[in-house]
Amino acid sequence: MTTAEELWDARYAESKRIWSGAPNAALVVEVAGLEPGRALDLGSGEGGDAIWLAQQGWRVTGVDVSPVALGRAAEHAKEAGVDGLIEWQHHELGKTFPEGTFELVSAQFLHSTIELPREEILRQAADAVTVGGVLLIEGHLEFPDKSQHQAHADVHFPTPAEVVADLGLKDGRWEVLTEAAHDSVKVIDGKELHYQDGTVKARRLS
């Protein structure tokens, strides 16, 4: 059976750059106006989000399951001159999780074609947010590449409302700031793809 590390190492080894290098658009929109502090970027990939956060003054912990991606992200951070603001950590989320608490925990597109305990990971992400801090979850509502629909017809993409309910973000300990679906455009392997994503942003009150 293919492990998550093997799956993603193979994916990243397919080309020198899979993603555009730009930060996720929802991250840029939702982080605007936040006071920089400690940020945790879960599933940091080639480092686009972590590097952008560091450029805004955040001290970032970037986490990924793929050593290939982490090595590439570290190179990009050095090129951008922010390597001193980012710590890269190797974790298979669901088995291990970074220590500490953070003013921002960002989980951008934690999806996989093999088993991934996403809700469990997002609960850990919520627990890692300090009081007054922000949890930001961005997820697909459909496959960006429409050809994957038939191959993975059993995959369910939770809506923002389902994420909020699953994590109990309306139990009084959180203030939900964003709970919305939206159109997205992403460049993957040089192709521009149009699809739907969902955003959940919540501030921890206690």
N, C-alpha and C. Protein backbone atom coordinates (compact mmCIF):
# COMPACT_ATOMS: atom_id res chain seq x y z
N MET A 1 0.84 -1.20 0.00
CA MET A 1 0.00 0.00 0.00
C MET A 1 0.88 1.25 0.00
N THR A 2 0.54 2.20 -0.85
CA THR A 2 1.30 3.44 -0.94
C THR A 2 1.07 4.30 0.29
N THR A 3 2.14 4.80 0.88
CA THR A 3 2.01 5.70 2.03
C THR A 3 1.78 7.12 1.53
N ALA A 4 1.32 7.99 2.44
CA ALA A 4 1.11 9.39 2.07
C ALA A 4 2.42 10.04 1.65
N GLU A 5 3.51 9.72 2.34
CA GLU A 5 4.80 10.29 1.96
C GLU A 5 5.20 9.85 0.57
N GLU A 6 5.05 8.58 0.28
CA GLU A 6 5.40 8.07 -1.05
C GLU A 6 4.53 8.71 -2.13
N LEU A 7 3.23 8.83 -1.84
CA LEU A 7 2.31 9.43 -2.80
C LEU A 7 2.72 10.85 -3.16
N TRP A 8 2.97 11.67 -2.14
CA TRP A 8 3.25 13.07 -2.40
C TRP A 8 4.69 13.29 -2.87
N ASP A 9 5.62 12.49 -2.42
CA ASP A 9 6.98 12.60 -2.97
C ASP A 9 6.96 12.32 -4.48
N ALA A 10 6.22 11.29 -4.87
CA ALA A 10 6.11 10.97 -6.30
C ALA A 10 5.44 12.10 -7.06
N ARG A 11 4.41 12.69 -6.46
CA ARG A 11 3.70 13.80 -7.12
C ARG A 11 4.63 14.99 -7.32
N TYR A 12 5.38 15.34 -6.29
CA TYR A 12 6.27 16.50 -6.41
C TYR A 12 7.46 16.21 -7.33
N ALA A 13 7.84 14.96 -7.44
CA ALA A 13 8.96 14.59 -8.30
C ALA A 13 8.60 14.64 -9.79
N GLU A 14 7.30 14.80 -10.08
CA GLU A 14 6.87 14.81 -11.48
C GLU A 14 7.37 16.04 -12.24
N SER A 15 7.57 17.15 -11.52
CA SER A 15 8.04 18.38 -12.18
C SER A 15 8.77 19.25 -11.18
N LYS A 16 9.49 20.24 -11.67
CA LYS A 16 10.25 21.11 -10.78
C LYS A 16 9.37 22.06 -9.99
N ARG A 17 8.19 22.36 -10.52
CA ARG A 17 7.23 23.20 -9.79
C ARG A 17 5.82 22.78 -10.17
N ILE A 18 5.04 22.36 -9.18
CA ILE A 18 3.65 21.97 -9.42
C ILE A 18 2.73 23.18 -9.30
N TRP A 19 2.90 23.94 -8.20
CA TRP A 19 2.04 25.07 -7.94
C TRP A 19 2.66 26.35 -8.50
N SER A 20 1.89 27.42 -8.51
CA SER A 20 2.35 28.67 -9.14
C SER A 20 3.44 29.37 -8.34
N GLY A 21 3.52 29.09 -7.04
CA GLY A 21 4.44 29.82 -6.17
C GLY A 21 3.77 30.99 -5.48
N ALA A 22 2.61 31.40 -5.99
CA ALA A 22 1.84 32.48 -5.36
C ALA A 22 1.06 31.93 -4.17
N PRO A 23 0.77 32.76 -3.18
CA PRO A 23 -0.04 32.29 -2.04
C PRO A 23 -1.47 32.04 -2.49
N ASN A 24 -2.17 31.18 -1.77
CA ASN A 24 -3.58 30.95 -2.06
C ASN A 24 -4.36 32.24 -1.89
N ALA A 25 -5.23 32.53 -2.85
CA ALA A 25 -5.96 33.80 -2.85
C ALA A 25 -6.78 33.99 -1.59
N ALA A 26 -7.44 32.93 -1.11
CA ALA A 26 -8.26 33.04 0.09
C ALA A 26 -7.41 33.39 1.31
N LEU A 27 -6.21 32.85 1.38
CA LEU A 27 -5.31 33.17 2.49
C LEU A 27 -5.01 34.66 2.50
N VAL A 28 -4.67 35.21 1.35
CA VAL A 28 -4.33 36.63 1.26
C VAL A 28 -5.51 37.49 1.71
N VAL A 29 -6.71 37.14 1.26
CA VAL A 29 -7.90 37.92 1.61
C VAL A 29 -8.20 37.82 3.10
N GLU A 30 -8.17 36.61 3.64
CA GLU A 30 -8.61 36.40 5.02
C GLU A 30 -7.59 36.82 6.06
N VAL A 31 -6.31 36.86 5.69
CA VAL A 31 -5.27 37.23 6.65
C VAL A 31 -5.07 38.75 6.68
N ALA A 32 -5.55 39.43 5.65
CA ALA A 32 -5.41 40.89 5.60
C ALA A 32 -5.97 41.52 6.87
N GLY A 33 -5.18 42.37 7.51
CA GLY A 33 -5.62 43.06 8.71
C GLY A 33 -5.28 42.36 10.01
N LEU A 34 -4.84 41.10 9.94
CA LEU A 34 -4.46 40.40 11.16
C LEU A 34 -3.08 40.86 11.63
N GLU A 35 -2.91 40.95 12.93
CA GLU A 35 -1.61 41.31 13.49
C GLU A 35 -0.67 40.11 13.38
N PRO A 36 0.48 40.25 12.72
CA PRO A 36 1.39 39.10 12.56
C PRO A 36 1.87 38.56 13.91
N GLY A 37 1.96 37.24 13.96
CA GLY A 37 2.47 36.56 15.14
C GLY A 37 3.02 35.22 14.70
N ARG A 38 2.68 34.16 15.41
CA ARG A 38 3.12 32.82 15.04
C ARG A 38 2.05 32.18 14.17
N ALA A 39 2.48 31.61 13.05
CA ALA A 39 1.55 30.99 12.11
C ALA A 39 1.96 29.55 11.86
N LEU A 40 0.96 28.68 11.74
CA LEU A 40 1.17 27.28 11.39
C LEU A 40 0.51 27.03 10.04
N ASP A 41 1.31 26.59 9.08
CA ASP A 41 0.81 26.30 7.73
C ASP A 41 0.82 24.80 7.54
N LEU A 42 -0.37 24.19 7.56
CA LEU A 42 -0.50 22.74 7.44
C LEU A 42 -0.62 22.34 5.98
N GLY A 43 0.24 21.43 5.53
CA GLY A 43 0.26 21.06 4.13
C GLY A 43 0.91 22.15 3.31
N SER A 44 2.14 22.51 3.68
CA SER A 44 2.79 23.70 3.13
C SER A 44 3.30 23.53 1.70
N GLY A 45 3.38 22.29 1.21
CA GLY A 45 3.76 22.08 -0.18
C GLY A 45 5.09 22.72 -0.55
N GLU A 46 5.09 23.44 -1.65
CA GLU A 46 6.32 24.07 -2.13
C GLU A 46 6.60 25.41 -1.46
N GLY A 47 5.76 25.77 -0.47
CA GLY A 47 6.08 26.90 0.39
C GLY A 47 5.45 28.24 0.06
N GLY A 48 4.59 28.30 -0.95
CA GLY A 48 4.03 29.58 -1.37
C GLY A 48 3.35 30.36 -0.26
N ASP A 49 2.48 29.68 0.51
CA ASP A 49 1.75 30.36 1.58
C ASP A 49 2.69 30.76 2.72
N ALA A 50 3.56 29.83 3.14
CA ALA A 50 4.46 30.12 4.26
C ALA A 50 5.39 31.28 3.93
N ILE A 51 5.89 31.31 2.72
CA ILE A 51 6.78 32.39 2.31
C ILE A 51 6.05 33.72 2.31
N TRP A 52 4.83 33.73 1.79
CA TRP A 52 4.05 34.98 1.78
C TRP A 52 3.78 35.45 3.20
N LEU A 53 3.40 34.53 4.10
CA LEU A 53 3.16 34.90 5.48
C LEU A 53 4.41 35.50 6.12
N ALA A 54 5.56 34.88 5.87
CA ALA A 54 6.80 35.41 6.41
C ALA A 54 7.09 36.81 5.88
N GLN A 55 6.77 37.04 4.63
CA GLN A 55 6.97 38.36 4.04
C GLN A 55 6.07 39.41 4.67
N GLN A 56 4.96 38.97 5.26
CA GLN A 56 4.06 39.89 5.97
C GLN A 56 4.46 40.07 7.44
N GLY A 57 5.51 39.38 7.88
CA GLY A 57 5.99 39.54 9.24
C GLY A 57 5.65 38.41 10.19
N TRP A 58 5.00 37.35 9.69
CA TRP A 58 4.68 36.21 10.54
C TRP A 58 5.90 35.32 10.75
N ARG A 59 5.98 34.69 11.91
CA ARG A 59 6.97 33.63 12.17
C ARG A 59 6.25 32.31 11.92
N VAL A 60 6.71 31.58 10.94
CA VAL A 60 5.91 30.49 10.36
C VAL A 60 6.52 29.12 10.64
N THR A 61 5.66 28.17 10.96
CA THR A 61 6.01 26.75 10.96
C THR A 61 5.28 26.13 9.78
N GLY A 62 6.05 25.63 8.81
CA GLY A 62 5.48 25.00 7.63
C GLY A 62 5.58 23.50 7.75
N VAL A 63 4.47 22.81 7.52
CA VAL A 63 4.40 21.35 7.75
C VAL A 63 3.97 20.65 6.48
N ASP A 64 4.67 19.57 6.14
CA ASP A 64 4.24 18.76 5.01
C ASP A 64 4.70 17.32 5.22
N VAL A 65 4.03 16.40 4.53
CA VAL A 65 4.36 14.98 4.61
C VAL A 65 5.48 14.61 3.63
N SER A 66 5.74 15.47 2.65
CA SER A 66 6.69 15.16 1.60
C SER A 66 8.05 15.82 1.83
N PRO A 67 9.10 15.05 2.06
CA PRO A 67 10.44 15.63 2.15
C PRO A 67 10.86 16.35 0.88
N VAL A 68 10.39 15.86 -0.27
CA VAL A 68 10.70 16.53 -1.53
C VAL A 68 10.13 17.94 -1.52
N ALA A 69 8.86 18.08 -1.12
CA ALA A 69 8.23 19.39 -1.05
C ALA A 69 8.91 20.29 -0.03
N LEU A 70 9.26 19.75 1.13
CA LEU A 70 9.90 20.55 2.16
C LEU A 70 11.26 21.07 1.71
N GLY A 71 12.01 20.23 1.02
CA GLY A 71 13.30 20.67 0.50
C GLY A 71 13.14 21.77 -0.53
N ARG A 72 12.15 21.62 -1.38
CA ARG A 72 11.89 22.63 -2.41
C ARG A 72 11.43 23.94 -1.76
N ALA A 73 10.55 23.83 -0.75
CA ALA A 73 10.06 25.02 -0.05
C ALA A 73 11.20 25.77 0.64
N ALA A 74 12.11 25.03 1.25
CA ALA A 74 13.24 25.67 1.92
C ALA A 74 14.11 26.44 0.92
N GLU A 75 14.30 25.87 -0.27
CA GLU A 75 15.05 26.57 -1.31
C GLU A 75 14.34 27.85 -1.73
N HIS A 76 13.02 27.77 -1.91
CA HIS A 76 12.26 28.96 -2.32
C HIS A 76 12.30 30.03 -1.23
N ALA A 77 12.23 29.62 0.03
CA ALA A 77 12.29 30.59 1.13
C ALA A 77 13.63 31.29 1.17
N LYS A 78 14.69 30.54 0.92
CA LYS A 78 16.02 31.14 0.90
C LYS A 78 16.13 32.14 -0.24
N GLU A 79 15.61 31.77 -1.39
CA GLU A 79 15.62 32.68 -2.55
C GLU A 79 14.84 33.96 -2.26
N ALA A 80 13.76 33.83 -1.47
CA ALA A 80 12.93 34.98 -1.14
C ALA A 80 13.49 35.79 0.03
N GLY A 81 14.53 35.28 0.69
CA GLY A 81 15.16 35.98 1.79
C GLY A 81 14.40 35.92 3.11
N VAL A 82 13.54 34.90 3.26
CA VAL A 82 12.75 34.79 4.50
C VAL A 82 13.00 33.47 5.22
N ASP A 83 14.06 32.76 4.85
CA ASP A 83 14.29 31.45 5.45
C ASP A 83 14.47 31.52 6.96
N GLY A 84 14.92 32.66 7.47
CA GLY A 84 15.10 32.80 8.91
C GLY A 84 13.80 32.93 9.68
N LEU A 85 12.69 33.16 8.97
CA LEU A 85 11.39 33.32 9.61
C LEU A 85 10.52 32.07 9.53
N ILE A 86 11.03 31.01 8.87
CA ILE A 86 10.23 29.82 8.66
C ILE A 86 10.97 28.58 9.18
N GLU A 87 10.26 27.78 9.94
CA GLU A 87 10.76 26.47 10.35
C GLU A 87 9.96 25.41 9.61
N TRP A 88 10.65 24.54 8.89
CA TRP A 88 9.99 23.48 8.13
C TRP A 88 10.00 22.20 8.94
N GLN A 89 8.84 21.56 9.07
CA GLN A 89 8.73 20.32 9.84
C GLN A 89 8.06 19.23 9.01
N HIS A 90 8.58 18.02 9.14
CA HIS A 90 8.02 16.86 8.45
C HIS A 90 7.05 16.15 9.38
N HIS A 91 5.77 16.08 8.97
CA HIS A 91 4.75 15.38 9.75
C HIS A 91 3.80 14.67 8.80
N GLU A 92 3.37 13.48 9.17
CA GLU A 92 2.23 12.86 8.52
C GLU A 92 1.04 13.16 9.42
N LEU A 93 0.30 14.20 9.06
CA LEU A 93 -0.80 14.66 9.89
C LEU A 93 -1.81 13.52 10.06
N GLY A 94 -2.30 13.42 11.28
CA GLY A 94 -3.13 12.27 11.65
C GLY A 94 -2.33 11.28 12.47
N LYS A 95 -1.00 11.34 12.32
CA LYS A 95 -0.10 10.50 13.13
C LYS A 95 0.76 11.37 14.05
N THR A 96 1.29 12.47 13.52
CA THR A 96 2.05 13.42 14.34
C THR A 96 1.58 14.82 14.01
N PHE A 97 1.78 15.74 14.96
CA PHE A 97 1.31 17.12 14.80
C PHE A 97 2.31 18.05 15.47
N PRO A 98 2.54 19.24 14.92
CA PRO A 98 3.50 20.17 15.53
C PRO A 98 3.09 20.57 16.95
N GLU A 99 4.08 20.83 17.77
CA GLU A 99 3.82 21.27 19.13
C GLU A 99 3.62 22.78 19.16
N GLY A 100 2.97 23.25 20.23
CA GLY A 100 2.83 24.68 20.44
C GLY A 100 1.48 25.22 20.03
N THR A 101 1.28 26.53 20.29
CA THR A 101 0.07 27.23 19.89
C THR A 101 0.45 28.40 19.00
N PHE A 102 -0.54 28.86 18.23
CA PHE A 102 -0.27 29.83 17.18
C PHE A 102 -1.39 30.85 17.08
N GLU A 103 -1.02 32.06 16.65
CA GLU A 103 -2.03 33.10 16.42
C GLU A 103 -2.81 32.86 15.13
N LEU A 104 -2.23 32.09 14.23
CA LEU A 104 -2.91 31.72 12.99
C LEU A 104 -2.58 30.27 12.67
N VAL A 105 -3.62 29.48 12.47
CA VAL A 105 -3.43 28.12 11.96
C VAL A 105 -4.18 28.04 10.63
N SER A 106 -3.43 27.77 9.58
CA SER A 106 -3.99 27.73 8.23
C SER A 106 -3.92 26.31 7.67
N ALA A 107 -5.06 25.79 7.28
CA ALA A 107 -5.14 24.48 6.64
C ALA A 107 -5.73 24.69 5.25
N GLN A 108 -4.86 24.72 4.26
CA GLN A 108 -5.28 25.00 2.89
C GLN A 108 -5.32 23.70 2.09
N PHE A 109 -6.52 23.26 1.75
CA PHE A 109 -6.71 22.12 0.85
C PHE A 109 -6.10 20.83 1.38
N LEU A 110 -6.50 20.46 2.58
CA LEU A 110 -6.07 19.18 3.15
C LEU A 110 -6.96 18.08 2.58
N HIS A 111 -6.65 17.66 1.37
CA HIS A 111 -7.38 16.59 0.71
C HIS A 111 -6.37 15.56 0.21
N SER A 112 -6.82 14.33 0.07
CA SER A 112 -5.94 13.28 -0.45
C SER A 112 -6.77 12.21 -1.12
N THR A 113 -6.18 11.57 -2.12
CA THR A 113 -6.86 10.46 -2.81
C THR A 113 -6.67 9.15 -2.05
N ILE A 114 -5.86 9.16 -0.98
CA ILE A 114 -5.78 8.01 -0.10
C ILE A 114 -6.28 8.44 1.28
N GLU A 115 -6.45 7.51 2.17
CA GLU A 115 -7.09 7.79 3.46
C GLU A 115 -6.39 8.91 4.21
N LEU A 116 -7.18 9.88 4.67
CA LEU A 116 -6.67 11.01 5.43
C LEU A 116 -7.70 11.37 6.50
N PRO A 117 -7.35 11.32 7.78
CA PRO A 117 -8.31 11.64 8.85
C PRO A 117 -8.48 13.16 8.96
N ARG A 118 -9.11 13.76 7.96
CA ARG A 118 -9.17 15.22 7.84
C ARG A 118 -9.84 15.88 9.04
N GLU A 119 -10.98 15.35 9.46
CA GLU A 119 -11.68 15.98 10.58
C GLU A 119 -10.83 15.93 11.85
N GLU A 120 -10.16 14.81 12.09
CA GLU A 120 -9.28 14.69 13.26
C GLU A 120 -8.16 15.72 13.19
N ILE A 121 -7.58 15.88 12.01
CA ILE A 121 -6.49 16.84 11.83
C ILE A 121 -6.99 18.26 12.07
N LEU A 122 -8.17 18.57 11.55
CA LEU A 122 -8.72 19.92 11.73
C LEU A 122 -9.06 20.19 13.19
N ARG A 123 -9.45 19.16 13.94
CA ARG A 123 -9.69 19.34 15.37
C ARG A 123 -8.37 19.67 16.08
N GLN A 124 -7.30 18.99 15.69
CA GLN A 124 -5.99 19.30 16.24
C GLN A 124 -5.57 20.72 15.86
N ALA A 125 -5.88 21.10 14.63
CA ALA A 125 -5.57 22.46 14.18
C ALA A 125 -6.29 23.49 15.05
N ALA A 126 -7.57 23.24 15.32
CA ALA A 126 -8.34 24.15 16.16
C ALA A 126 -7.74 24.23 17.57
N ASP A 127 -7.33 23.10 18.11
CA ASP A 127 -6.73 23.08 19.45
C ASP A 127 -5.42 23.86 19.50
N ALA A 128 -4.76 24.01 18.35
CA ALA A 128 -3.46 24.68 18.31
C ALA A 128 -3.59 26.20 18.20
N VAL A 129 -4.81 26.70 18.08
CA VAL A 129 -5.03 28.15 17.98
C VAL A 129 -5.07 28.75 19.38
N THR A 130 -4.27 29.78 19.61
CA THR A 130 -4.27 30.44 20.90
C THR A 130 -5.53 31.29 21.05
N VAL A 131 -5.93 31.60 22.28
CA VAL A 131 -7.08 32.46 22.51
C VAL A 131 -6.83 33.81 21.83
N GLY A 132 -7.80 34.24 21.04
CA GLY A 132 -7.65 35.47 20.25
C GLY A 132 -7.11 35.22 18.86
N GLY A 133 -6.65 34.00 18.63
CA GLY A 133 -6.08 33.65 17.33
C GLY A 133 -7.14 33.19 16.34
N VAL A 134 -6.69 32.90 15.12
CA VAL A 134 -7.60 32.60 14.01
C VAL A 134 -7.30 31.24 13.41
N LEU A 135 -8.36 30.49 13.15
CA LEU A 135 -8.30 29.24 12.41
C LEU A 135 -8.84 29.50 11.02
N LEU A 136 -8.05 29.15 10.00
CA LEU A 136 -8.46 29.37 8.61
C LEU A 136 -8.40 28.04 7.87
N ILE A 137 -9.54 27.61 7.35
CA ILE A 137 -9.63 26.34 6.63
C ILE A 137 -10.16 26.62 5.23
N GLU A 138 -9.41 26.22 4.24
CA GLU A 138 -9.83 26.36 2.85
C GLU A 138 -9.89 24.96 2.24
N GLY A 139 -11.01 24.64 1.62
CA GLY A 139 -11.16 23.31 1.06
C GLY A 139 -11.85 23.33 -0.28
N HIS A 140 -11.56 22.33 -1.09
CA HIS A 140 -12.26 22.18 -2.36
C HIS A 140 -13.70 21.73 -2.10
N LEU A 141 -14.60 22.15 -2.97
CA LEU A 141 -15.96 21.64 -2.98
C LEU A 141 -16.18 20.70 -4.16
N GLU A 142 -15.18 20.60 -5.00
CA GLU A 142 -15.17 19.68 -6.14
C GLU A 142 -13.71 19.52 -6.57
N PHE A 143 -13.44 18.51 -7.40
CA PHE A 143 -12.08 18.34 -7.91
C PHE A 143 -11.76 19.47 -8.89
N PRO A 144 -10.61 20.15 -8.71
CA PRO A 144 -10.22 21.16 -9.70
C PRO A 144 -10.11 20.58 -11.10
N ASP A 145 -9.54 19.39 -11.19
CA ASP A 145 -9.43 18.69 -12.47
C ASP A 145 -10.66 17.79 -12.61
N LYS A 146 -11.58 18.18 -13.50
CA LYS A 146 -12.86 17.47 -13.63
C LYS A 146 -12.69 16.00 -14.00
N SER A 147 -11.54 15.63 -14.58
CA SER A 147 -11.31 14.24 -14.97
C SER A 147 -11.22 13.32 -13.77
N GLN A 148 -11.01 13.89 -12.57
CA GLN A 148 -10.88 13.08 -11.36
C GLN A 148 -12.23 12.68 -10.76
N HIS A 149 -13.32 13.31 -11.22
CA HIS A 149 -14.63 13.03 -10.63
C HIS A 149 -15.00 11.55 -10.73
N GLN A 150 -14.86 11.00 -11.93
CA GLN A 150 -15.26 9.60 -12.12
C GLN A 150 -14.31 8.65 -11.40
N ALA A 151 -13.02 8.95 -11.42
CA ALA A 151 -12.02 8.07 -10.79
C ALA A 151 -12.18 8.03 -9.27
N HIS A 152 -12.70 9.13 -8.69
CA HIS A 152 -12.83 9.20 -7.23
C HIS A 152 -14.24 9.66 -6.86
N ALA A 153 -15.24 8.98 -7.41
CA ALA A 153 -16.64 9.39 -7.22
C ALA A 153 -17.08 9.29 -5.77
N ASP A 154 -16.37 8.50 -4.94
CA ASP A 154 -16.76 8.31 -3.54
C ASP A 154 -16.23 9.40 -2.62
N VAL A 155 -15.41 10.31 -3.14
CA VAL A 155 -14.81 11.36 -2.31
C VAL A 155 -15.86 12.42 -1.99
N HIS A 156 -15.98 12.77 -0.72
CA HIS A 156 -16.91 13.82 -0.30
C HIS A 156 -16.11 15.05 0.13
N PHE A 157 -16.45 16.19 -0.42
CA PHE A 157 -15.83 17.46 -0.03
C PHE A 157 -16.79 18.19 0.91
N PRO A 158 -16.45 18.32 2.20
CA PRO A 158 -17.36 18.98 3.14
C PRO A 158 -17.60 20.44 2.78
N THR A 159 -18.84 20.88 2.94
CA THR A 159 -19.18 22.28 2.73
C THR A 159 -18.68 23.10 3.92
N PRO A 160 -18.59 24.43 3.78
CA PRO A 160 -18.21 25.25 4.94
C PRO A 160 -19.13 25.02 6.14
N ALA A 161 -20.44 24.87 5.90
CA ALA A 161 -21.37 24.64 7.01
C ALA A 161 -21.07 23.31 7.70
N GLU A 162 -20.71 22.30 6.93
CA GLU A 162 -20.38 20.99 7.52
C GLU A 162 -19.10 21.09 8.34
N VAL A 163 -18.12 21.84 7.86
CA VAL A 163 -16.86 22.00 8.61
C VAL A 163 -17.14 22.70 9.94
N VAL A 164 -17.92 23.77 9.89
CA VAL A 164 -18.26 24.51 11.11
C VAL A 164 -18.97 23.60 12.10
N ALA A 165 -19.91 22.81 11.62
CA ALA A 165 -20.65 21.90 12.51
C ALA A 165 -19.76 20.79 13.05
N ASP A 166 -18.94 20.20 12.19
CA ASP A 166 -18.07 19.10 12.61
C ASP A 166 -17.09 19.53 13.69
N LEU A 167 -16.61 20.78 13.61
CA LEU A 167 -15.61 21.27 14.56
C LEU A 167 -16.24 22.00 15.75
N GLY A 168 -17.55 22.12 15.75
CA GLY A 168 -18.22 22.78 16.86
C GLY A 168 -17.86 24.25 17.00
N LEU A 169 -17.73 24.94 15.87
CA LEU A 169 -17.26 26.33 15.90
C LEU A 169 -18.36 27.32 16.28
N LYS A 170 -19.56 26.82 16.59
CA LYS A 170 -20.62 27.71 17.06
C LYS A 170 -21.06 27.32 18.47
N ASP A 171 -20.07 26.81 19.25
CA ASP A 171 -20.38 26.36 20.61
C ASP A 171 -20.12 27.43 21.66
N GLY A 172 -19.83 28.66 21.21
CA GLY A 172 -19.57 29.75 22.14
C GLY A 172 -18.11 30.03 22.38
N ARG A 173 -17.26 29.07 22.04
CA ARG A 173 -15.81 29.27 22.23
C ARG A 173 -15.16 29.92 21.01
N TRP A 174 -15.93 30.04 19.93
CA TRP A 174 -15.41 30.58 18.67
C TRP A 174 -16.37 31.63 18.11
N GLU A 175 -15.81 32.54 17.34
CA GLU A 175 -16.61 33.48 16.55
C GLU A 175 -16.33 33.17 15.08
N VAL A 176 -17.35 32.71 14.36
CA VAL A 176 -17.18 32.40 12.94
C VAL A 176 -17.20 33.70 12.15
N LEU A 177 -16.11 33.99 11.46
CA LEU A 177 -15.96 35.23 10.70
C LEU A 177 -16.28 35.06 9.22
N THR A 178 -15.99 33.88 8.69
CA THR A 178 -16.27 33.58 7.28
C THR A 178 -16.75 32.14 7.18
N GLU A 179 -17.82 31.94 6.44
CA GLU A 179 -18.37 30.60 6.19
C GLU A 179 -19.03 30.67 4.82
N ALA A 180 -18.24 30.45 3.76
CA ALA A 180 -18.75 30.74 2.42
C ALA A 180 -18.10 29.90 1.34
N ALA A 181 -18.88 29.63 0.30
CA ALA A 181 -18.36 29.01 -0.93
C ALA A 181 -18.02 30.11 -1.92
N HIS A 182 -17.07 29.82 -2.82
CA HIS A 182 -16.69 30.84 -3.80
C HIS A 182 -16.04 30.18 -5.01
N ASP A 183 -16.02 30.90 -6.11
CA ASP A 183 -15.34 30.43 -7.31
C ASP A 183 -13.83 30.59 -7.14
N SER A 184 -13.07 29.67 -7.70
CA SER A 184 -11.61 29.72 -7.62
C SER A 184 -10.99 29.46 -8.98
N VAL A 185 -9.80 30.00 -9.13
CA VAL A 185 -8.96 29.74 -10.30
C VAL A 185 -7.58 29.40 -9.78
N LYS A 186 -7.04 28.29 -10.24
CA LYS A 186 -5.69 27.89 -9.80
C LYS A 186 -4.91 27.36 -10.98
N VAL A 187 -3.61 27.65 -10.96
CA VAL A 187 -2.71 27.11 -11.98
C VAL A 187 -2.00 25.90 -11.39
N ILE A 188 -2.26 24.72 -11.95
CA ILE A 188 -1.63 23.48 -11.51
C ILE A 188 -0.94 22.84 -12.71
N ASP A 189 0.34 22.58 -12.57
CA ASP A 189 1.12 22.01 -13.68
C ASP A 189 0.96 22.84 -14.95
N GLY A 190 0.88 24.16 -14.77
CA GLY A 190 0.80 25.06 -15.92
C GLY A 190 -0.58 25.21 -16.52
N LYS A 191 -1.60 24.52 -15.96
CA LYS A 191 -2.95 24.60 -16.50
C LYS A 191 -3.83 25.47 -15.58
N GLU A 192 -4.62 26.35 -16.18
CA GLU A 192 -5.54 27.17 -15.41
C GLU A 192 -6.86 26.42 -15.24
N LEU A 193 -7.26 26.18 -13.97
CA LEU A 193 -8.45 25.40 -13.66
C LEU A 193 -9.46 26.26 -12.91
N HIS A 194 -10.75 26.08 -13.23
CA HIS A 194 -11.82 26.84 -12.61
C HIS A 194 -12.74 25.87 -11.86
N TYR A 195 -13.06 26.19 -10.60
CA TYR A 195 -13.83 25.27 -9.77
C TYR A 195 -14.35 26.01 -8.55
N GLN A 196 -14.98 25.28 -7.61
CA GLN A 196 -15.55 25.86 -6.39
C GLN A 196 -14.75 25.43 -5.15
N ASP A 197 -14.50 26.40 -4.28
CA ASP A 197 -13.86 26.15 -2.99
C ASP A 197 -14.75 26.69 -1.88
N GLY A 198 -14.40 26.34 -0.64
CA GLY A 198 -15.12 26.84 0.52
C GLY A 198 -14.15 27.33 1.58
N THR A 199 -14.52 28.41 2.27
CA THR A 199 -13.67 29.03 3.28
C THR A 199 -14.37 29.04 4.63
N VAL A 200 -13.64 28.65 5.67
CA VAL A 200 -14.09 28.80 7.06
C VAL A 200 -12.99 29.55 7.81
N LYS A 201 -13.38 30.63 8.45
CA LYS A 201 -12.45 31.42 9.27
C LYS A 201 -13.12 31.69 10.60
N ALA A 202 -12.42 31.37 11.68
CA ALA A 202 -13.02 31.55 13.01
C ALA A 202 -11.97 32.06 13.99
N ARG A 203 -12.40 32.93 14.90
CA ARG A 203 -11.53 33.44 15.94
C ARG A 203 -11.83 32.74 17.25
N ARG A 204 -10.79 32.29 17.93
CA ARG A 204 -10.98 31.58 19.22
C ARG A 204 -11.22 32.60 20.32
N LEU A 205 -12.32 32.44 21.03
CA LEU A 205 -12.70 33.35 22.11
C LEU A 205 -12.26 32.88 23.49
N SER A 206 -12.16 31.56 23.65
CA SER A 206 -11.77 31.04 24.98
C SER A 206 -11.18 29.64 24.83
